[in-house]
Amino acid sequence: MEINVRRRNNVNVIQLRGPLKMGEPVDSLRTTCDEALAAGENKLVVTLADVPHIDSSGIGLLVKYLVSAKQRGGSLKLVNPSKFAVQILRLVGVLNLFEVFDDENGAVESFG
């Protein structure tokens, strides 16, 4: 799992590349999100275009940080999830919890 984090307009854009599954990938994303929230950064955009697979631990992590960000007055928004990611999030019943955008600009601008 490769994680690239950058800031745009007070929004943390977290770009993921590789499968988001139990073990190192989920641990790395957990550390990234924990650091952002600890620093008071509650506006998170997660780009999933290059994530071919998400397992239950990856889904649980995304939901956890969506809730944590919202409790702090922000949110976690998804950008361009793969067809598989959309199907699995819908199957598990959590897709409707997230705002999903086709591109990063739309997601970043949605924070206003």
N, C-alpha and C. Protein backbone atom coordinates (compact mmCIF):
# COMPACT_ATOMS: atom_id res chain seq x y z
N MET A 1 0.85 -1.18 0.00
CA MET A 1 0.00 0.00 0.00
C MET A 1 0.89 1.23 0.00
N GLU A 2 0.64 2.08 -0.94
CA GLU A 2 1.35 3.35 -1.03
C GLU A 2 0.36 4.46 -0.63
N ILE A 3 0.79 5.34 0.29
CA ILE A 3 -0.07 6.42 0.76
C ILE A 3 0.63 7.74 0.50
N ASN A 4 -0.05 8.63 -0.20
CA ASN A 4 0.49 9.95 -0.49
C ASN A 4 -0.48 10.98 0.10
N VAL A 5 0.02 11.82 1.01
CA VAL A 5 -0.83 12.81 1.67
C VAL A 5 -0.36 14.21 1.27
N ARG A 6 -1.31 15.03 0.89
CA ARG A 6 -0.98 16.44 0.61
C ARG A 6 -2.14 17.31 1.06
N ARG A 7 -1.87 18.58 1.25
CA ARG A 7 -2.89 19.53 1.71
C ARG A 7 -3.35 20.38 0.53
N ARG A 8 -4.68 20.56 0.46
CA ARG A 8 -5.27 21.48 -0.52
C ARG A 8 -6.39 22.23 0.17
N ASN A 9 -6.26 23.55 0.29
CA ASN A 9 -7.32 24.38 0.88
C ASN A 9 -7.76 23.86 2.25
N ASN A 10 -6.83 23.58 3.14
CA ASN A 10 -7.11 23.07 4.49
C ASN A 10 -7.77 21.70 4.49
N VAL A 11 -7.60 20.95 3.42
CA VAL A 11 -8.14 19.60 3.32
C VAL A 11 -6.96 18.64 3.14
N ASN A 12 -6.96 17.55 3.90
CA ASN A 12 -5.95 16.51 3.71
C ASN A 12 -6.43 15.57 2.61
N VAL A 13 -5.68 15.51 1.52
CA VAL A 13 -6.00 14.60 0.43
C VAL A 13 -5.09 13.38 0.59
N ILE A 14 -5.71 12.23 0.81
CA ILE A 14 -4.99 10.98 1.06
C ILE A 14 -5.20 10.08 -0.16
N GLN A 15 -4.15 9.92 -0.93
CA GLN A 15 -4.24 9.09 -2.13
C GLN A 15 -3.67 7.71 -1.82
N LEU A 16 -4.48 6.69 -2.06
CA LEU A 16 -4.09 5.31 -1.79
C LEU A 16 -3.80 4.59 -3.10
N ARG A 17 -2.79 3.72 -3.06
CA ARG A 17 -2.47 2.90 -4.22
C ARG A 17 -2.16 1.50 -3.72
N GLY A 18 -2.98 0.54 -4.13
CA GLY A 18 -2.81 -0.84 -3.71
C GLY A 18 -4.01 -1.31 -2.91
N PRO A 19 -4.08 -2.60 -2.59
CA PRO A 19 -5.24 -3.13 -1.87
C PRO A 19 -5.29 -2.62 -0.43
N LEU A 20 -6.49 -2.25 0.01
CA LEU A 20 -6.70 -1.80 1.39
C LEU A 20 -7.23 -3.00 2.16
N LYS A 21 -6.30 -3.73 2.78
CA LYS A 21 -6.68 -4.97 3.47
C LYS A 21 -5.96 -5.06 4.81
N MET A 22 -6.41 -6.03 5.61
CA MET A 22 -5.87 -6.22 6.95
C MET A 22 -4.34 -6.35 6.90
N GLY A 23 -3.71 -5.80 7.95
CA GLY A 23 -2.26 -5.87 8.03
C GLY A 23 -1.63 -4.51 7.78
N GLU A 24 -0.51 -4.50 7.13
CA GLU A 24 0.24 -3.26 6.92
C GLU A 24 -0.56 -2.17 6.21
N PRO A 25 -1.33 -2.47 5.14
CA PRO A 25 -2.08 -1.39 4.48
C PRO A 25 -3.05 -0.67 5.43
N VAL A 26 -3.83 -1.43 6.20
CA VAL A 26 -4.78 -0.83 7.13
C VAL A 26 -4.04 -0.11 8.26
N ASP A 27 -2.96 -0.70 8.75
CA ASP A 27 -2.18 -0.07 9.82
C ASP A 27 -1.60 1.27 9.35
N SER A 28 -1.11 1.32 8.12
CA SER A 28 -0.53 2.56 7.58
C SER A 28 -1.59 3.65 7.44
N LEU A 29 -2.77 3.28 6.94
CA LEU A 29 -3.84 4.28 6.79
C LEU A 29 -4.32 4.73 8.17
N ARG A 30 -4.39 3.83 9.14
CA ARG A 30 -4.79 4.19 10.50
C ARG A 30 -3.82 5.24 11.06
N THR A 31 -2.53 5.01 10.91
CA THR A 31 -1.52 5.95 11.40
C THR A 31 -1.67 7.31 10.72
N THR A 32 -1.88 7.29 9.40
CA THR A 32 -2.04 8.53 8.64
C THR A 32 -3.24 9.33 9.14
N CYS A 33 -4.37 8.67 9.32
CA CYS A 33 -5.59 9.35 9.76
C CYS A 33 -5.48 9.80 11.22
N ASP A 34 -4.88 8.97 12.08
CA ASP A 34 -4.69 9.35 13.48
C ASP A 34 -3.84 10.62 13.58
N GLU A 35 -2.78 10.69 12.79
CA GLU A 35 -1.90 11.86 12.81
C GLU A 35 -2.65 13.11 12.35
N ALA A 36 -3.45 12.98 11.30
CA ALA A 36 -4.21 14.13 10.80
C ALA A 36 -5.19 14.63 11.86
N LEU A 37 -5.97 13.72 12.45
CA LEU A 37 -6.96 14.12 13.45
C LEU A 37 -6.29 14.68 14.71
N ALA A 38 -5.16 14.10 15.11
CA ALA A 38 -4.44 14.60 16.28
C ALA A 38 -3.93 16.02 16.05
N ALA A 39 -3.66 16.35 14.79
CA ALA A 39 -3.18 17.69 14.45
C ALA A 39 -4.35 18.67 14.24
N GLY A 40 -5.58 18.20 14.49
CA GLY A 40 -6.75 19.07 14.34
C GLY A 40 -7.26 19.18 12.92
N GLU A 41 -6.78 18.29 12.06
CA GLU A 41 -7.21 18.31 10.65
C GLU A 41 -8.35 17.31 10.48
N ASN A 42 -9.56 17.85 10.32
CA ASN A 42 -10.74 16.98 10.30
C ASN A 42 -11.41 16.91 8.93
N LYS A 43 -10.78 17.49 7.92
CA LYS A 43 -11.31 17.44 6.56
C LYS A 43 -10.44 16.49 5.76
N LEU A 44 -10.97 15.30 5.49
CA LEU A 44 -10.21 14.25 4.84
C LEU A 44 -10.87 13.85 3.53
N VAL A 45 -10.05 13.74 2.48
CA VAL A 45 -10.50 13.23 1.19
C VAL A 45 -9.63 12.02 0.89
N VAL A 46 -10.26 10.87 0.66
CA VAL A 46 -9.52 9.64 0.38
C VAL A 46 -9.78 9.24 -1.07
N THR A 47 -8.70 9.19 -1.86
CA THR A 47 -8.79 8.82 -3.26
C THR A 47 -8.58 7.32 -3.41
N LEU A 48 -9.58 6.65 -3.98
CA LEU A 48 -9.58 5.19 -4.06
C LEU A 48 -9.46 4.66 -5.49
N ALA A 49 -9.11 5.52 -6.44
CA ALA A 49 -9.06 5.09 -7.85
C ALA A 49 -8.09 3.94 -8.06
N ASP A 50 -6.99 3.92 -7.32
CA ASP A 50 -5.96 2.89 -7.50
C ASP A 50 -5.99 1.83 -6.41
N VAL A 51 -7.20 1.62 -5.83
CA VAL A 51 -7.38 0.59 -4.81
C VAL A 51 -8.26 -0.52 -5.41
N PRO A 52 -7.62 -1.62 -5.87
CA PRO A 52 -8.39 -2.66 -6.54
C PRO A 52 -9.23 -3.52 -5.59
N HIS A 53 -8.88 -3.54 -4.30
CA HIS A 53 -9.56 -4.43 -3.36
C HIS A 53 -9.63 -3.78 -1.98
N ILE A 54 -10.77 -3.90 -1.33
CA ILE A 54 -10.94 -3.46 0.05
C ILE A 54 -11.56 -4.63 0.81
N ASP A 55 -10.98 -4.97 1.96
CA ASP A 55 -11.59 -6.02 2.77
C ASP A 55 -12.35 -5.38 3.94
N SER A 56 -12.92 -6.22 4.80
CA SER A 56 -13.77 -5.71 5.89
C SER A 56 -13.00 -4.80 6.84
N SER A 57 -11.71 -5.07 7.06
CA SER A 57 -10.96 -4.20 7.97
C SER A 57 -10.73 -2.83 7.33
N GLY A 58 -10.55 -2.78 6.01
CA GLY A 58 -10.41 -1.50 5.31
C GLY A 58 -11.70 -0.70 5.35
N ILE A 59 -12.83 -1.39 5.15
CA ILE A 59 -14.14 -0.72 5.22
C ILE A 59 -14.38 -0.18 6.62
N GLY A 60 -14.10 -1.00 7.62
CA GLY A 60 -14.29 -0.57 9.01
C GLY A 60 -13.47 0.66 9.34
N LEU A 61 -12.25 0.71 8.82
CA LEU A 61 -11.37 1.85 9.06
C LEU A 61 -11.93 3.13 8.43
N LEU A 62 -12.41 3.03 7.19
CA LEU A 62 -12.99 4.21 6.52
C LEU A 62 -14.20 4.72 7.31
N VAL A 63 -15.05 3.81 7.76
CA VAL A 63 -16.24 4.22 8.53
C VAL A 63 -15.81 4.85 9.86
N LYS A 64 -14.83 4.25 10.52
CA LYS A 64 -14.35 4.77 11.80
C LYS A 64 -13.86 6.22 11.66
N TYR A 65 -13.07 6.49 10.62
CA TYR A 65 -12.53 7.84 10.46
C TYR A 65 -13.55 8.81 9.90
N LEU A 66 -14.56 8.33 9.21
CA LEU A 66 -15.68 9.19 8.82
C LEU A 66 -16.37 9.70 10.09
N VAL A 67 -16.66 8.78 11.02
CA VAL A 67 -17.32 9.14 12.28
C VAL A 67 -16.43 10.08 13.10
N SER A 68 -15.15 9.74 13.21
CA SER A 68 -14.22 10.57 14.00
C SER A 68 -14.11 11.97 13.44
N ALA A 69 -14.01 12.09 12.12
CA ALA A 69 -13.90 13.41 11.49
C ALA A 69 -15.19 14.21 11.71
N LYS A 70 -16.34 13.55 11.57
CA LYS A 70 -17.62 14.25 11.77
C LYS A 70 -17.78 14.72 13.22
N GLN A 71 -17.31 13.91 14.17
CA GLN A 71 -17.39 14.32 15.58
C GLN A 71 -16.55 15.57 15.85
N ARG A 72 -15.56 15.79 14.99
CA ARG A 72 -14.68 16.96 15.13
C ARG A 72 -15.09 18.10 14.20
N GLY A 73 -16.26 17.99 13.59
CA GLY A 73 -16.78 19.06 12.74
C GLY A 73 -16.35 18.98 11.29
N GLY A 74 -15.75 17.88 10.88
CA GLY A 74 -15.31 17.72 9.50
C GLY A 74 -16.01 16.55 8.84
N SER A 75 -15.30 15.87 7.94
CA SER A 75 -15.85 14.70 7.28
C SER A 75 -14.74 13.95 6.57
N LEU A 76 -15.06 12.76 6.09
CA LEU A 76 -14.17 11.99 5.24
C LEU A 76 -14.95 11.70 3.97
N LYS A 77 -14.41 12.12 2.83
CA LYS A 77 -15.11 11.95 1.56
C LYS A 77 -14.27 11.07 0.65
N LEU A 78 -14.94 10.30 -0.19
CA LEU A 78 -14.27 9.37 -1.09
C LEU A 78 -14.23 9.92 -2.51
N VAL A 79 -13.11 9.68 -3.18
CA VAL A 79 -12.96 10.11 -4.57
C VAL A 79 -12.70 8.91 -5.45
N ASN A 80 -13.50 8.81 -6.51
CA ASN A 80 -13.28 7.87 -7.59
C ASN A 80 -12.99 6.44 -7.13
N PRO A 81 -13.86 5.88 -6.28
CA PRO A 81 -13.62 4.49 -5.88
C PRO A 81 -13.76 3.56 -7.08
N SER A 82 -12.96 2.50 -7.09
CA SER A 82 -13.02 1.51 -8.17
C SER A 82 -14.41 0.86 -8.17
N LYS A 83 -14.74 0.23 -9.28
CA LYS A 83 -16.03 -0.46 -9.40
C LYS A 83 -16.17 -1.49 -8.27
N PHE A 84 -15.09 -2.22 -7.99
CA PHE A 84 -15.12 -3.22 -6.92
C PHE A 84 -15.39 -2.55 -5.58
N ALA A 85 -14.70 -1.43 -5.31
CA ALA A 85 -14.87 -0.74 -4.03
C ALA A 85 -16.31 -0.29 -3.85
N VAL A 86 -16.90 0.27 -4.89
CA VAL A 86 -18.30 0.71 -4.82
C VAL A 86 -19.21 -0.49 -4.53
N GLN A 87 -18.98 -1.60 -5.24
CA GLN A 87 -19.82 -2.79 -5.04
C GLN A 87 -19.72 -3.31 -3.62
N ILE A 88 -18.51 -3.38 -3.08
CA ILE A 88 -18.34 -3.95 -1.74
C ILE A 88 -18.89 -3.00 -0.67
N LEU A 89 -18.69 -1.69 -0.85
CA LEU A 89 -19.25 -0.72 0.10
C LEU A 89 -20.78 -0.77 0.08
N ARG A 90 -21.35 -0.93 -1.10
CA ARG A 90 -22.81 -1.03 -1.22
C ARG A 90 -23.30 -2.34 -0.60
N LEU A 91 -22.61 -3.43 -0.87
CA LEU A 91 -22.99 -4.74 -0.35
C LEU A 91 -23.01 -4.75 1.18
N VAL A 92 -22.01 -4.11 1.77
CA VAL A 92 -21.91 -4.07 3.23
C VAL A 92 -22.90 -3.05 3.82
N GLY A 93 -23.43 -2.17 2.97
CA GLY A 93 -24.45 -1.22 3.42
C GLY A 93 -23.91 0.08 3.97
N VAL A 94 -22.66 0.44 3.61
CA VAL A 94 -22.09 1.69 4.14
C VAL A 94 -21.84 2.73 3.05
N LEU A 95 -22.05 2.40 1.79
CA LEU A 95 -21.76 3.36 0.72
C LEU A 95 -22.52 4.67 0.92
N ASN A 96 -23.79 4.56 1.37
CA ASN A 96 -24.61 5.75 1.55
C ASN A 96 -24.15 6.65 2.69
N LEU A 97 -23.22 6.18 3.53
CA LEU A 97 -22.69 7.02 4.61
C LEU A 97 -21.72 8.07 4.08
N PHE A 98 -21.11 7.78 2.94
CA PHE A 98 -20.05 8.63 2.40
C PHE A 98 -20.55 9.53 1.28
N GLU A 99 -19.95 10.72 1.21
CA GLU A 99 -20.09 11.52 0.01
C GLU A 99 -19.03 11.00 -0.95
N VAL A 100 -19.45 10.68 -2.17
CA VAL A 100 -18.53 10.12 -3.16
C VAL A 100 -18.45 11.08 -4.35
N PHE A 101 -17.22 11.37 -4.76
CA PHE A 101 -16.98 12.32 -5.84
C PHE A 101 -16.21 11.66 -6.97
N ASP A 102 -16.42 12.17 -8.18
CA ASP A 102 -15.71 11.65 -9.35
C ASP A 102 -14.28 12.16 -9.42
N ASP A 103 -14.04 13.34 -8.84
CA ASP A 103 -12.69 13.88 -8.91
C ASP A 103 -12.33 14.61 -7.62
N GLU A 104 -11.04 14.77 -7.44
CA GLU A 104 -10.50 15.38 -6.22
C GLU A 104 -10.97 16.82 -6.05
N ASN A 105 -11.01 17.58 -7.14
CA ASN A 105 -11.42 18.99 -7.05
C ASN A 105 -12.80 19.12 -6.45
N GLY A 106 -13.74 18.32 -6.91
CA GLY A 106 -15.11 18.37 -6.40
C GLY A 106 -15.16 18.06 -4.90
N ALA A 107 -14.40 17.07 -4.49
CA ALA A 107 -14.39 16.68 -3.08
C ALA A 107 -13.79 17.80 -2.21
N VAL A 108 -12.67 18.36 -2.64
CA VAL A 108 -12.02 19.42 -1.87
C VAL A 108 -12.92 20.65 -1.79
N GLU A 109 -13.50 21.03 -2.93
CA GLU A 109 -14.36 22.23 -2.98
C GLU A 109 -15.64 22.04 -2.15
N SER A 110 -16.08 20.80 -1.97
CA SER A 110 -17.33 20.55 -1.25
C SER A 110 -17.22 20.94 0.22
N PHE A 111 -15.99 21.07 0.74
CA PHE A 111 -15.82 21.50 2.13
C PHE A 111 -16.07 22.99 2.28
N GLY A 112 -16.09 23.71 1.14
CA GLY A 112 -16.39 25.14 1.15
C GLY A 112 -15.36 25.91 1.90
